[in-house]
């Protein structure tokens, strides 16, 4: 299993990149209706959803690049916790029934990135190598 351990930092980067791109897509759907309008999102967006959309686009972009990963992940994780408790949990207790599973999953993936960092393939890692 040591050969798999060597791939852990790269696999962490893949998790970060894919989760961030999917997250950013939600913001783009709210703001630019790309690749399509966000289902169920009102137009024009209320201030809370507008703020969420900008966090998703900017935070998702930073996380995709692995730049300021821990700070961006902290903000994005917090946004998903707020989204769950304000939009999903009032709909019922069970996440599978209240539509909150994606919010919980994003929240905990980003929470993990606060502690794990961006991985081997990140601008944070490149910046760290230059300082040495």
C-alpha atoms as a PDB file:
ATOM      1  CA  UNK A   1       0.000   0.000   0.000  1.00  0.00           C
ATOM      2  CA  UNK A   2       2.997   2.338   0.187  1.00  0.00           C
ATOM      3  CA  UNK A   3       2.723   2.859  -3.569  1.00  0.00           C
ATOM      4  CA  UNK A   4      -0.794   4.221  -2.993  1.00  0.00           C
ATOM      5  CA  UNK A   5       0.451   6.492  -0.190  1.00  0.00           C
ATOM      6  CA  UNK A   6       2.735   8.240  -2.664  1.00  0.00           C
ATOM      7  CA  UNK A   7      -0.325   9.289  -4.667  1.00  0.00           C
ATOM      8  CA  UNK A   8      -2.219  10.762  -1.700  1.00  0.00           C
ATOM      9  CA  UNK A   9      -1.117  14.410  -2.262  1.00  0.00           C
ATOM     10  CA  UNK A  10      -2.008  14.213  -5.960  1.00  0.00           C
ATOM     11  CA  UNK A  11      -5.346  12.556  -5.258  1.00  0.00           C
ATOM     12  CA  UNK A  12      -6.079  15.285  -2.706  1.00  0.00           C
ATOM     13  CA  UNK A  13      -5.480  17.811  -5.490  1.00  0.00           C
ATOM     14  CA  UNK A  14      -7.869  15.957  -7.798  1.00  0.00           C
ATOM     15  CA  UNK A  15     -10.567  15.960  -5.112  1.00  0.00           C
ATOM     16  CA  UNK A  16     -10.018  19.688  -4.563  1.00  0.00           C
ATOM     17  CA  UNK A  17     -10.125  20.541  -8.283  1.00  0.00           C
ATOM     18  CA  UNK A  18     -13.224  18.494  -9.125  1.00  0.00           C
ATOM     19  CA  UNK A  19     -15.178  19.621  -6.046  1.00  0.00           C
ATOM     20  CA  UNK A  20     -14.225  23.257  -6.697  1.00  0.00           C
ATOM     21  CA  UNK A  21     -15.253  23.155 -10.369  1.00  0.00           C
ATOM     22  CA  UNK A  22     -18.616  21.623  -9.481  1.00  0.00           C
ATOM     23  CA  UNK A  23     -19.072  24.191  -6.716  1.00  0.00           C
ATOM     24  CA  UNK A  24     -18.164  27.065  -9.021  1.00  0.00           C
ATOM     25  CA  UNK A  25     -20.729  25.842 -11.544  1.00  0.00           C
ATOM     26  CA  UNK A  26     -23.518  26.551  -9.017  1.00  0.00           C
ATOM     27  CA  UNK A  27     -22.414  30.180  -8.758  1.00  0.00           C
ATOM     28  CA  UNK A  28     -22.129  30.541 -12.530  1.00  0.00           C
ATOM     29  CA  UNK A  29     -25.649  29.174 -12.909  1.00  0.00           C
ATOM     30  CA  UNK A  30     -26.941  31.767 -10.454  1.00  0.00           C
ATOM     31  CA  UNK A  31     -25.009  34.740 -11.856  1.00  0.00           C
ATOM     32  CA  UNK A  32     -24.635  34.073 -15.585  1.00  0.00           C
ATOM     33  CA  UNK A  33     -27.168  31.296 -16.213  1.00  0.00           C
ATOM     34  CA  UNK A  34     -24.232  29.193 -17.443  1.00  0.00           C
ATOM     35  CA  UNK A  35     -24.451  26.421 -18.474  1.00  0.00           C
ATOM     36  CA  UNK A  36     -28.144  26.960 -17.637  1.00  0.00           C
ATOM     37  CA  UNK A  37     -30.123  28.917 -15.027  1.00  0.00           C
ATOM     38  CA  UNK A  38     -29.977  27.495 -11.493  1.00  0.00           C
ATOM     39  CA  UNK A  39     -33.181  25.473 -11.042  1.00  0.00           C
ATOM     40  CA  UNK A  40     -35.449  27.100  -8.488  1.00  0.00           C
ATOM     41  CA  UNK A  41     -33.374  30.282  -8.149  1.00  0.00           C
ATOM     42  CA  UNK A  42     -35.466  33.454  -8.331  1.00  0.00           C
ATOM     43  CA  UNK A  43     -34.604  36.174 -10.812  1.00  0.00           C
ATOM     44  CA  UNK A  44     -33.422  38.682  -9.709  1.00  0.00           C
ATOM     45  CA  UNK A  45     -31.444  36.978  -6.961  1.00  0.00           C
ATOM     46  CA  UNK A  46     -32.052  38.088  -3.382  1.00  0.00           C
ATOM     47  CA  UNK A  47     -28.977  39.489  -1.612  1.00  0.00           C
ATOM     48  CA  UNK A  48     -28.294  36.224   0.258  1.00  0.00           C
ATOM     49  CA  UNK A  49     -28.204  34.175  -2.981  1.00  0.00           C
ATOM     50  CA  UNK A  50     -26.167  36.857  -4.736  1.00  0.00           C
ATOM     51  CA  UNK A  51     -23.557  36.689  -1.968  1.00  0.00           C
ATOM     52  CA  UNK A  52     -23.624  32.877  -2.134  1.00  0.00           C
ATOM     53  CA  UNK A  53     -23.113  32.982  -5.909  1.00  0.00           C
ATOM     54  CA  UNK A  54     -20.050  35.227  -5.620  1.00  0.00           C
ATOM     55  CA  UNK A  55     -18.586  32.990  -2.884  1.00  0.00           C
ATOM     56  CA  UNK A  56     -19.161  29.973  -5.138  1.00  0.00           C
ATOM     57  CA  UNK A  57     -17.506  31.597  -8.160  1.00  0.00           C
ATOM     58  CA  UNK A  58     -14.564  33.267  -6.416  1.00  0.00           C
ATOM     59  CA  UNK A  59     -14.059  30.553  -3.792  1.00  0.00           C
ATOM     60  CA  UNK A  60     -14.461  27.829  -6.393  1.00  0.00           C
ATOM     61  CA  UNK A  61     -11.919  29.554  -8.629  1.00  0.00           C
ATOM     62  CA  UNK A  62      -9.388  29.902  -5.822  1.00  0.00           C
ATOM     63  CA  UNK A  63      -9.899  26.279  -4.788  1.00  0.00           C
ATOM     64  CA  UNK A  64      -9.565  25.083  -8.388  1.00  0.00           C
ATOM     65  CA  UNK A  65      -6.183  26.795  -8.606  1.00  0.00           C
ATOM     66  CA  UNK A  66      -5.209  25.771  -5.094  1.00  0.00           C
ATOM     67  CA  UNK A  67      -4.529  29.401  -4.180  1.00  0.00           C
ATOM     68  CA  UNK A  68      -5.215  30.476  -0.592  1.00  0.00           C
ATOM     69  CA  UNK A  69      -6.774  27.031  -0.266  1.00  0.00           C
ATOM     70  CA  UNK A  70      -7.282  26.957   3.491  1.00  0.00           C
ATOM     71  CA  UNK A  71      -8.914  30.404   3.710  1.00  0.00           C
ATOM     72  CA  UNK A  72     -11.112  29.812   0.642  1.00  0.00           C
ATOM     73  CA  UNK A  73     -12.127  26.383   1.953  1.00  0.00           C
ATOM     74  CA  UNK A  74     -13.044  27.906   5.326  1.00  0.00           C
ATOM     75  CA  UNK A  75     -15.374  30.432   3.697  1.00  0.00           C
ATOM     76  CA  UNK A  76     -16.900  27.899   1.284  1.00  0.00           C
ATOM     77  CA  UNK A  77     -17.424  25.332   4.038  1.00  0.00           C
ATOM     78  CA  UNK A  78     -19.137  27.950   6.176  1.00  0.00           C
ATOM     79  CA  UNK A  79     -21.350  29.006   3.292  1.00  0.00           C
ATOM     80  CA  UNK A  80     -22.492  25.422   2.798  1.00  0.00           C
ATOM     81  CA  UNK A  81     -23.232  25.033   6.509  1.00  0.00           C
ATOM     82  CA  UNK A  82     -25.351  28.195   6.394  1.00  0.00           C
ATOM     83  CA  UNK A  83     -27.060  26.969   3.214  1.00  0.00           C
ATOM     84  CA  UNK A  84     -27.912  23.663   4.839  1.00  0.00           C
ATOM     85  CA  UNK A  85     -29.342  25.145   8.020  1.00  0.00           C
ATOM     86  CA  UNK A  86     -31.247  27.986   6.325  1.00  0.00           C
ATOM     87  CA  UNK A  87     -32.552  26.288   3.174  1.00  0.00           C
ATOM     88  CA  UNK A  88     -32.551  22.524   3.738  1.00  0.00           C
ATOM     89  CA  UNK A  89     -32.999  21.608   7.393  1.00  0.00           C
ATOM     90  CA  UNK A  90     -36.298  23.560   7.681  1.00  0.00           C
ATOM     91  CA  UNK A  91     -37.651  21.184   5.018  1.00  0.00           C
ATOM     92  CA  UNK A  92     -37.183  18.165   7.292  1.00  0.00           C
ATOM     93  CA  UNK A  93     -34.631  16.239   9.334  1.00  0.00           C
ATOM     94  CA  UNK A  94     -33.333  13.742   6.757  1.00  0.00           C
ATOM     95  CA  UNK A  95     -30.839  15.155   4.228  1.00  0.00           C
ATOM     96  CA  UNK A  96     -31.932  12.660   1.563  1.00  0.00           C
ATOM     97  CA  UNK A  97     -35.456  14.057   1.842  1.00  0.00           C
ATOM     98  CA  UNK A  98     -34.720  17.771   2.351  1.00  0.00           C
ATOM     99  CA  UNK A  99     -32.309  18.054  -0.609  1.00  0.00           C
ATOM    100  CA  UNK A 100     -29.369  18.891   1.628  1.00  0.00           C
ATOM    101  CA  UNK A 101     -26.970  16.076   0.781  1.00  0.00           C
ATOM    102  CA  UNK A 102     -24.869  18.139  -1.673  1.00  0.00           C
ATOM    103  CA  UNK A 103     -24.591  21.014   0.827  1.00  0.00           C
ATOM    104  CA  UNK A 104     -23.404  18.653   3.581  1.00  0.00           C
ATOM    105  CA  UNK A 105     -20.931  16.928   1.266  1.00  0.00           C
ATOM    106  CA  UNK A 106     -19.468  20.233   0.011  1.00  0.00           C
ATOM    107  CA  UNK A 107     -19.312  21.503   3.598  1.00  0.00           C
ATOM    108  CA  UNK A 108     -17.240  18.544   4.774  1.00  0.00           C
ATOM    109  CA  UNK A 109     -15.008  18.276   1.690  1.00  0.00           C
ATOM    110  CA  UNK A 110     -14.126  21.950   2.107  1.00  0.00           C
ATOM    111  CA  UNK A 111     -13.772  21.473   5.875  1.00  0.00           C
ATOM    112  CA  UNK A 112     -11.224  18.737   5.164  1.00  0.00           C
ATOM    113  CA  UNK A 113      -9.316  21.070   2.822  1.00  0.00           C
ATOM    114  CA  UNK A 114      -8.959  23.618   5.641  1.00  0.00           C
ATOM    115  CA  UNK A 115      -6.714  21.097   7.393  1.00  0.00           C
ATOM    116  CA  UNK A 116      -5.251  19.162   4.451  1.00  0.00           C
ATOM    117  CA  UNK A 117      -4.367  22.123   2.234  1.00  0.00           C
ATOM    118  CA  UNK A 118      -4.372  22.083  -1.546  1.00  0.00           C
ATOM    119  CA  UNK A 119      -2.223  19.039  -2.210  1.00  0.00           C
ATOM    120  CA  UNK A 120       0.739  18.609  -4.538  1.00  0.00           C
ATOM    121  CA  UNK A 121      -0.873  20.189  -7.587  1.00  0.00           C
ATOM    122  CA  UNK A 122      -1.716  23.607  -6.187  1.00  0.00           C
ATOM    123  CA  UNK A 123      -0.402  27.134  -6.465  1.00  0.00           C
ATOM    124  CA  UNK A 124      -0.040  27.092  -2.669  1.00  0.00           C
ATOM    125  CA  UNK A 125       2.410  24.172  -2.982  1.00  0.00           C
ATOM    126  CA  UNK A 126       4.322  25.973  -5.741  1.00  0.00           C
ATOM    127  CA  UNK A 127       4.551  29.142  -3.630  1.00  0.00           C
ATOM    128  CA  UNK A 128       5.820  27.085  -0.682  1.00  0.00           C
ATOM    129  CA  UNK A 129       8.574  25.504  -2.765  1.00  0.00           C
ATOM    130  CA  UNK A 130       9.799  28.903  -3.959  1.00  0.00           C
ATOM    131  CA  UNK A 131      10.126  30.269  -0.418  1.00  0.00           C
ATOM    132  CA  UNK A 132      12.499  27.518   0.654  1.00  0.00           C
END
